[in-house]
PDB file of N, CA and C in Angstrom:
ATOM      1  N   MET A   1      15.236  51.614  -4.317  1.00  0.00           N
ATOM      2  CA  MET A   1      16.537  52.006  -3.759  1.00  0.00           C
ATOM      3  C   MET A   1      16.317  52.675  -2.422  1.00  0.00           C
ATOM      4  N   ILE A   2      17.197  52.425  -1.490  1.00  0.00           N
ATOM      5  CA  ILE A   2      17.054  53.025  -0.169  1.00  0.00           C
ATOM      6  C   ILE A   2      17.607  54.469  -0.180  1.00  0.00           C
ATOM      7  N   LYS A   3      17.168  55.216   0.784  1.00  0.00           N
ATOM      8  CA  LYS A   3      17.558  56.646   0.867  1.00  0.00           C
ATOM      9  C   LYS A   3      18.922  56.774   1.511  1.00  0.00           C
ATOM     10  N   ILE A   4      19.816  57.512   0.874  1.00  0.00           N
ATOM     11  CA  ILE A   4      21.144  57.788   1.415  1.00  0.00           C
ATOM     12  C   ILE A   4      21.127  59.213   1.969  1.00  0.00           C
ATOM     13  N   LEU A   5      21.433  59.327   3.239  1.00  0.00           N
ATOM     14  CA  LEU A   5      21.473  60.640   3.894  1.00  0.00           C
ATOM     15  C   LEU A   5      22.920  61.084   4.028  1.00  0.00           C
ATOM     16  N   GLU A   6      23.131  62.395   4.152  1.00  0.00           N
ATOM     17  CA  GLU A   6      24.490  62.938   4.294  1.00  0.00           C
ATOM     18  C   GLU A   6      24.645  63.637   5.652  1.00  0.00           C
ATOM     19  N   ASN A   7      25.861  63.530   6.184  1.00  0.00           N
ATOM     20  CA  ASN A   7      26.248  64.189   7.444  1.00  0.00           C
ATOM     21  C   ASN A   7      25.253  63.904   8.565  1.00  0.00           C
ATOM     22  N   VAL A   8      25.121  62.617   8.879  1.00  0.00           N
ATOM     23  CA  VAL A   8      24.156  62.164   9.883  1.00  0.00           C
ATOM     24  C   VAL A   8      24.866  61.915  11.209  1.00  0.00           C
ATOM     25  N   SER A   9      24.282  62.392  12.302  1.00  0.00           N
ATOM     26  CA  SER A   9      24.813  62.152  13.636  1.00  0.00           C
ATOM     27  C   SER A   9      24.585  60.688  13.990  1.00  0.00           C
ATOM     28  N   LEU A  10      25.620  60.051  14.520  1.00  0.00           N
ATOM     29  CA  LEU A  10      25.525  58.668  14.957  1.00  0.00           C
ATOM     30  C   LEU A  10      25.222  58.557  16.459  1.00  0.00           C
ATOM     31  N   LYS A  11      25.006  59.674  17.097  1.00  0.00           N
ATOM     32  CA  LYS A  11      24.730  59.696  18.539  1.00  0.00           C
ATOM     33  C   LYS A  11      23.545  58.782  18.902  1.00  0.00           C
ATOM     34  N   PRO A  12      22.431  58.806  18.186  1.00  0.00           N
ATOM     35  CA  PRO A  12      21.317  57.922  18.571  1.00  0.00           C
ATOM     36  C   PRO A  12      21.546  56.443  18.246  1.00  0.00           C
ATOM     37  N   TYR A  13      22.657  56.140  17.581  1.00  0.00           N
ATOM     38  CA  TYR A  13      22.907  54.770  17.117  1.00  0.00           C
ATOM     39  C   TYR A  13      24.034  54.090  17.922  1.00  0.00           C
ATOM     40  N   ASN A  14      24.476  54.665  19.032  1.00  0.00           N
ATOM     41  CA  ASN A  14      25.462  54.006  19.843  1.00  0.00           C
ATOM     42  C   ASN A  14      25.099  54.188  21.327  1.00  0.00           C
ATOM     43  N   THR A  15      25.299  53.138  22.106  1.00  0.00           N
ATOM     44  CA  THR A  15      24.832  53.157  23.490  1.00  0.00           C
ATOM     45  C   THR A  15      25.624  54.103  24.374  1.00  0.00           C
ATOM     46  N   PHE A  16      26.809  54.519  23.975  1.00  0.00           N
ATOM     47  CA  PHE A  16      27.555  55.490  24.749  1.00  0.00           C
ATOM     48  C   PHE A  16      27.059  56.904  24.502  1.00  0.00           C
ATOM     49  N   GLY A  17      26.268  57.086  23.455  1.00  0.00           N
ATOM     50  CA  GLY A  17      25.705  58.406  23.135  1.00  0.00           C
ATOM     51  C   GLY A  17      26.765  59.405  22.699  1.00  0.00           C
ATOM     52  N   ILE A  18      27.842  58.908  22.087  1.00  0.00           N
ATOM     53  CA  ILE A  18      28.928  59.779  21.657  1.00  0.00           C
ATOM     54  C   ILE A  18      28.575  60.395  20.299  1.00  0.00           C
ATOM     55  N   THR A  19      28.830  61.681  20.198  1.00  0.00           N
ATOM     56  CA  THR A  19      28.539  62.377  18.949  1.00  0.00           C
ATOM     57  C   THR A  19      29.640  62.100  17.935  1.00  0.00           C
ATOM     58  N   ALA A  20      29.251  61.615  16.796  1.00  0.00           N
ATOM     59  CA  ALA A  20      30.141  61.411  15.645  1.00  0.00           C
ATOM     60  C   ALA A  20      29.257  61.524  14.411  1.00  0.00           C
ATOM     61  N   LEU A  21      29.832  61.941  13.304  1.00  0.00           N
ATOM     62  CA  LEU A  21      29.055  62.082  12.089  1.00  0.00           C
ATOM     63  C   LEU A  21      29.452  61.046  11.050  1.00  0.00           C
ATOM     64  N   ALA A  22      28.480  60.600  10.289  1.00  0.00           N
ATOM     65  CA  ALA A  22      28.731  59.733   9.115  1.00  0.00           C
ATOM     66  C   ALA A  22      28.575  60.607   7.894  1.00  0.00           C
ATOM     67  N   LYS A  23      29.563  60.549   7.017  1.00  0.00           N
ATOM     68  CA  LYS A  23      29.457  61.313   5.767  1.00  0.00           C
ATOM     69  C   LYS A  23      28.197  60.901   5.010  1.00  0.00           C
ATOM     70  N   TYR A  24      27.968  59.592   4.959  1.00  0.00           N
ATOM     71  CA  TYR A  24      26.770  59.033   4.309  1.00  0.00           C
ATOM     72  C   TYR A  24      26.170  58.011   5.279  1.00  0.00           C
ATOM     73  N   PHE A  25      24.866  57.869   5.239  1.00  0.00           N
ATOM     74  CA  PHE A  25      24.166  56.958   6.145  1.00  0.00           C
ATOM     75  C   PHE A  25      22.926  56.390   5.451  1.00  0.00           C
ATOM     76  N   ALA A  26      22.738  55.089   5.630  1.00  0.00           N
ATOM     77  CA  ALA A  26      21.536  54.430   5.069  1.00  0.00           C
ATOM     78  C   ALA A  26      21.103  53.312   5.980  1.00  0.00           C
ATOM     79  N   VAL A  27      19.805  53.108   6.033  1.00  0.00           N
ATOM     80  CA  VAL A  27      19.217  51.987   6.774  1.00  0.00           C
ATOM     81  C   VAL A  27      18.709  50.977   5.772  1.00  0.00           C
ATOM     82  N   PHE A  28      19.089  49.704   5.988  1.00  0.00           N
ATOM     83  CA  PHE A  28      18.567  48.668   5.100  1.00  0.00           C
ATOM     84  C   PHE A  28      17.789  47.661   5.928  1.00  0.00           C
ATOM     85  N   SER A  29      16.672  47.202   5.343  1.00  0.00           N
ATOM     86  CA  SER A  29      15.826  46.224   6.031  1.00  0.00           C
ATOM     87  C   SER A  29      15.582  44.972   5.233  1.00  0.00           C
ATOM     88  N   SER A  30      16.306  44.853   4.135  1.00  0.00           N
ATOM     89  CA  SER A  30      16.242  43.623   3.330  1.00  0.00           C
ATOM     90  C   SER A  30      17.589  43.404   2.639  1.00  0.00           C
ATOM     91  N   LEU A  31      17.825  42.172   2.260  1.00  0.00           N
ATOM     92  CA  LEU A  31      19.058  41.860   1.554  1.00  0.00           C
ATOM     93  C   LEU A  31      19.105  42.593   0.207  1.00  0.00           C
ATOM     94  N   GLN A  32      17.966  42.735  -0.448  1.00  0.00           N
ATOM     95  CA  GLN A  32      17.930  43.454  -1.717  1.00  0.00           C
ATOM     96  C   GLN A  32      18.322  44.919  -1.566  1.00  0.00           C
ATOM     97  N   ASP A  33      17.855  45.568  -0.492  1.00  0.00           N
ATOM     98  CA  ASP A  33      18.245  46.953  -0.235  1.00  0.00           C
ATOM     99  C   ASP A  33      19.754  47.045  -0.050  1.00  0.00           C
ATOM    100  N   LEU A  34      20.318  46.132   0.701  1.00  0.00           N
ATOM    101  CA  LEU A  34      21.752  46.129   0.928  1.00  0.00           C
ATOM    102  C   LEU A  34      22.512  45.947  -0.373  1.00  0.00           C
ATOM    103  N   MET A  35      22.096  44.966  -1.169  1.00  0.00           N
ATOM    104  CA  MET A  35      22.778  44.704  -2.430  1.00  0.00           C
ATOM    105  C   MET A  35      22.675  45.885  -3.387  1.00  0.00           C
ATOM    106  N   ASP A  36      21.544  46.578  -3.401  1.00  0.00           N
ATOM    107  CA  ASP A  36      21.380  47.753  -4.245  1.00  0.00           C
ATOM    108  C   ASP A  36      22.419  48.816  -3.890  1.00  0.00           C
ATOM    109  N   VAL A  37      22.605  49.048  -2.604  1.00  0.00           N
ATOM    110  CA  VAL A  37      23.584  50.069  -2.166  1.00  0.00           C
ATOM    111  C   VAL A  37      25.006  49.622  -2.468  1.00  0.00           C
ATOM    112  N   LEU A  38      25.324  48.372  -2.131  1.00  0.00           N
ATOM    113  CA  LEU A  38      26.688  47.876  -2.347  1.00  0.00           C
ATOM    114  C   LEU A  38      27.072  47.868  -3.821  1.00  0.00           C
ATOM    115  N   ASN A  39      26.089  47.652  -4.703  1.00  0.00           N
ATOM    116  CA  ASN A  39      26.357  47.616  -6.136  1.00  0.00           C
ATOM    117  C   ASN A  39      26.180  48.963  -6.803  1.00  0.00           C
ATOM    118  N   SER A  40      25.806  49.965  -6.041  1.00  0.00           N
ATOM    119  CA  SER A  40      25.604  51.310  -6.585  1.00  0.00           C
ATOM    120  C   SER A  40      26.946  51.880  -7.022  1.00  0.00           C
ATOM    121  N   GLU A  41      26.986  52.397  -8.216  1.00  0.00           N
ATOM    122  CA  GLU A  41      28.243  52.974  -8.749  1.00  0.00           C
ATOM    123  C   GLU A  41      28.752  54.113  -7.871  1.00  0.00           C
ATOM    124  N   ALA A  42      27.853  54.831  -7.247  1.00  0.00           N
ATOM    125  CA  ALA A  42      28.217  55.985  -6.421  1.00  0.00           C
ATOM    126  C   ALA A  42      28.990  55.574  -5.168  1.00  0.00           C
ATOM    127  N   PHE A  43      28.818  54.324  -4.685  1.00  0.00           N
ATOM    128  CA  PHE A  43      29.431  53.904  -3.432  1.00  0.00           C
ATOM    129  C   PHE A  43      30.356  52.705  -3.528  1.00  0.00           C
ATOM    130  N   VAL A  44      30.653  52.288  -4.726  1.00  0.00           N
ATOM    131  CA  VAL A  44      31.522  51.118  -4.918  1.00  0.00           C
ATOM    132  C   VAL A  44      32.911  51.321  -4.254  1.00  0.00           C
ATOM    133  N   ASN A  45      33.466  52.493  -4.376  1.00  0.00           N
ATOM    134  CA  ASN A  45      34.804  52.747  -3.838  1.00  0.00           C
ATOM    135  C   ASN A  45      34.793  53.563  -2.531  1.00  0.00           C
ATOM    136  N   THR A  46      33.650  53.561  -1.856  1.00  0.00           N
ATOM    137  CA  THR A  46      33.498  54.303  -0.613  1.00  0.00           C
ATOM    138  C   THR A  46      33.703  53.346   0.573  1.00  0.00           C
ATOM    139  N   LYS A  47      34.435  53.818   1.613  1.00  0.00           N
ATOM    140  CA  LYS A  47      34.560  53.040   2.825  1.00  0.00           C
ATOM    141  C   LYS A  47      33.186  52.783   3.400  1.00  0.00           C
ATOM    142  N   LYS A  48      33.014  51.582   3.978  1.00  0.00           N
ATOM    143  CA  LYS A  48      31.737  51.201   4.552  1.00  0.00           C
ATOM    144  C   LYS A  48      31.900  50.698   5.968  1.00  0.00           C
ATOM    145  N   PHE A  49      30.889  50.992   6.806  1.00  0.00           N
ATOM    146  CA  PHE A  49      30.853  50.516   8.183  1.00  0.00           C
ATOM    147  C   PHE A  49      29.439  49.990   8.445  1.00  0.00           C
ATOM    148  N   PHE A  50      29.350  48.742   8.897  1.00  0.00           N
ATOM    149  CA  PHE A  50      28.053  48.148   9.183  1.00  0.00           C
ATOM    150  C   PHE A  50      27.734  48.311  10.662  1.00  0.00           C
ATOM    151  N   LEU A  51      26.530  48.790  10.936  1.00  0.00           N
ATOM    152  CA  LEU A  51      26.119  49.091  12.282  1.00  0.00           C
ATOM    153  C   LEU A  51      24.880  48.256  12.628  1.00  0.00           C
ATOM    154  N   GLY A  52      24.948  47.589  13.751  1.00  0.00           N
ATOM    155  CA  GLY A  52      23.798  46.810  14.236  1.00  0.00           C
ATOM    156  C   GLY A  52      23.095  47.620  15.309  1.00  0.00           C
ATOM    157  N   GLY A  53      23.075  47.087  16.524  1.00  0.00           N
ATOM    158  CA  GLY A  53      22.424  47.758  17.638  1.00  0.00           C
ATOM    159  C   GLY A  53      23.222  48.879  18.264  1.00  0.00           C
ATOM    160  N   GLY A  54      24.509  48.928  17.981  1.00  0.00           N
ATOM    161  CA  GLY A  54      25.356  50.029  18.488  1.00  0.00           C
ATOM    162  C   GLY A  54      25.896  49.809  19.884  1.00  0.00           C
ATOM    163  N   SER A  55      25.716  48.571  20.425  1.00  0.00           N
ATOM    164  CA  SER A  55      26.171  48.354  21.807  1.00  0.00           C
ATOM    165  C   SER A  55      27.620  47.835  21.903  1.00  0.00           C
ATOM    166  N   ASN A  56      28.204  47.492  20.812  1.00  0.00           N
ATOM    167  CA  ASN A  56      29.571  46.961  20.824  1.00  0.00           C
ATOM    168  C   ASN A  56      30.576  47.861  20.118  1.00  0.00           C
ATOM    169  N   ILE A  57      30.275  49.141  20.018  1.00  0.00           N
ATOM    170  CA  ILE A  57      31.191  50.056  19.375  1.00  0.00           C
ATOM    171  C   ILE A  57      31.447  51.274  20.239  1.00  0.00           C
ATOM    172  N   LEU A  58      32.608  51.820  20.064  1.00  0.00           N
ATOM    173  CA  LEU A  58      32.981  53.087  20.720  1.00  0.00           C
ATOM    174  C   LEU A  58      33.433  54.007  19.595  1.00  0.00           C
ATOM    175  N   LEU A  59      32.667  55.017  19.339  1.00  0.00           N
ATOM    176  CA  LEU A  59      32.993  55.957  18.247  1.00  0.00           C
ATOM    177  C   LEU A  59      33.952  57.013  18.767  1.00  0.00           C
ATOM    178  N   LEU A  60      35.042  57.175  18.088  1.00  0.00           N
ATOM    179  CA  LEU A  60      36.056  58.174  18.497  1.00  0.00           C
ATOM    180  C   LEU A  60      36.124  59.357  17.544  1.00  0.00           C
ATOM    181  N   ASN A  61      35.732  59.127  16.289  1.00  0.00           N
ATOM    182  CA  ASN A  61      35.845  60.164  15.269  1.00  0.00           C
ATOM    183  C   ASN A  61      34.657  60.074  14.305  1.00  0.00           C
ATOM    184  N   ASP A  62      34.513  61.073  13.497  1.00  0.00           N
ATOM    185  CA  ASP A  62      33.548  61.045  12.401  1.00  0.00           C
ATOM    186  C   ASP A  62      33.991  59.958  11.404  1.00  0.00           C
ATOM    187  N   PHE A  63      33.025  59.403  10.665  1.00  0.00           N
ATOM    188  CA  PHE A  63      33.343  58.367   9.690  1.00  0.00           C
ATOM    189  C   PHE A  63      33.161  58.952   8.279  1.00  0.00           C
ATOM    190  N   ASP A  64      34.261  59.002   7.535  1.00  0.00           N
ATOM    191  CA  ASP A  64      34.287  59.565   6.187  1.00  0.00           C
ATOM    192  C   ASP A  64      33.974  58.475   5.169  1.00  0.00           C
ATOM    193  N   GLY A  65      32.758  57.952   5.264  1.00  0.00           N
ATOM    194  CA  GLY A  65      32.323  56.908   4.360  1.00  0.00           C
ATOM    195  C   GLY A  65      30.819  56.686   4.553  1.00  0.00           C
ATOM    196  N   LEU A  66      30.397  55.457   4.219  1.00  0.00           N
ATOM    197  CA  LEU A  66      28.987  55.095   4.267  1.00  0.00           C
ATOM    198  C   LEU A  66      28.725  54.192   5.467  1.00  0.00           C
ATOM    199  N   VAL A  67      27.870  54.625   6.382  1.00  0.00           N
ATOM    200  CA  VAL A  67      27.445  53.781   7.488  1.00  0.00           C
ATOM    201  C   VAL A  67      26.128  53.125   7.070  1.00  0.00           C
ATOM    202  N   LEU A  68      26.100  51.786   7.184  1.00  0.00           N
ATOM    203  CA  LEU A  68      24.924  51.017   6.809  1.00  0.00           C
ATOM    204  C   LEU A  68      24.320  50.411   8.053  1.00  0.00           C
ATOM    205  N   LYS A  69      23.139  50.845   8.430  1.00  0.00           N
ATOM    206  CA  LYS A  69      22.446  50.398   9.629  1.00  0.00           C
ATOM    207  C   LYS A  69      21.562  49.224   9.286  1.00  0.00           C
ATOM    208  N   ASN A  70      21.867  48.071   9.890  1.00  0.00           N
ATOM    209  CA  ASN A  70      21.143  46.835   9.614  1.00  0.00           C
ATOM    210  C   ASN A  70      19.862  46.774  10.431  1.00  0.00           C
ATOM    211  N   GLU A  71      18.735  46.700   9.746  1.00  0.00           N
ATOM    212  CA  GLU A  71      17.450  46.546  10.438  1.00  0.00           C
ATOM    213  C   GLU A  71      16.686  45.341   9.872  1.00  0.00           C
ATOM    214  N   ILE A  72      17.455  44.344   9.391  1.00  0.00           N
ATOM    215  CA  ILE A  72      16.846  43.073   8.958  1.00  0.00           C
ATOM    216  C   ILE A  72      16.421  42.334  10.230  1.00  0.00           C
ATOM    217  N   GLU A  73      15.158  41.925  10.272  1.00  0.00           N
ATOM    218  CA  GLU A  73      14.652  41.239  11.466  1.00  0.00           C
ATOM    219  C   GLU A  73      14.586  39.753  11.229  1.00  0.00           C
ATOM    220  N   GLY A  74      14.737  39.009  12.343  1.00  0.00           N
ATOM    221  CA  GLY A  74      14.558  37.568  12.339  1.00  0.00           C
ATOM    222  C   GLY A  74      15.806  36.826  11.962  1.00  0.00           C
ATOM    223  N   LEU A  75      15.741  35.531  12.203  1.00  0.00           N
ATOM    224  CA  LEU A  75      16.832  34.590  11.872  1.00  0.00           C
ATOM    225  C   LEU A  75      16.302  33.567  10.921  1.00  0.00           C
ATOM    226  N   GLU A  76      17.176  33.092  10.047  1.00  0.00           N
ATOM    227  CA  GLU A  76      16.799  32.056   9.100  1.00  0.00           C
ATOM    228  C   GLU A  76      17.883  30.992   9.095  1.00  0.00           C
ATOM    229  N   THR A  77      17.492  29.753   9.221  1.00  0.00           N
ATOM    230  CA  THR A  77      18.428  28.658   9.135  1.00  0.00           C
ATOM    231  C   THR A  77      18.503  28.202   7.695  1.00  0.00           C
ATOM    232  N   VAL A  78      19.730  28.150   7.175  1.00  0.00           N
ATOM    233  CA  VAL A  78      19.908  27.750   5.790  1.00  0.00           C
ATOM    234  C   VAL A  78      20.611  26.402   5.747  1.00  0.00           C
TER     235      VAL A  78
END
């Protein structure tokens, strides 16, 4: 299971460097890690926000939910 952190600053995760907090934050680097969190009873009814490189978002407020930082590398053709 991946580590879930609380009250994490999102400043290092957005290119504007805007300070905002995530109530919960987790980094996933595999599909299994992601599925474990999404199926976790603790977060089933929690708002979720998926974060990639952070260059296409403008944070205006804190996020009262779970921010999931995608660190899956590579592309796969299916």
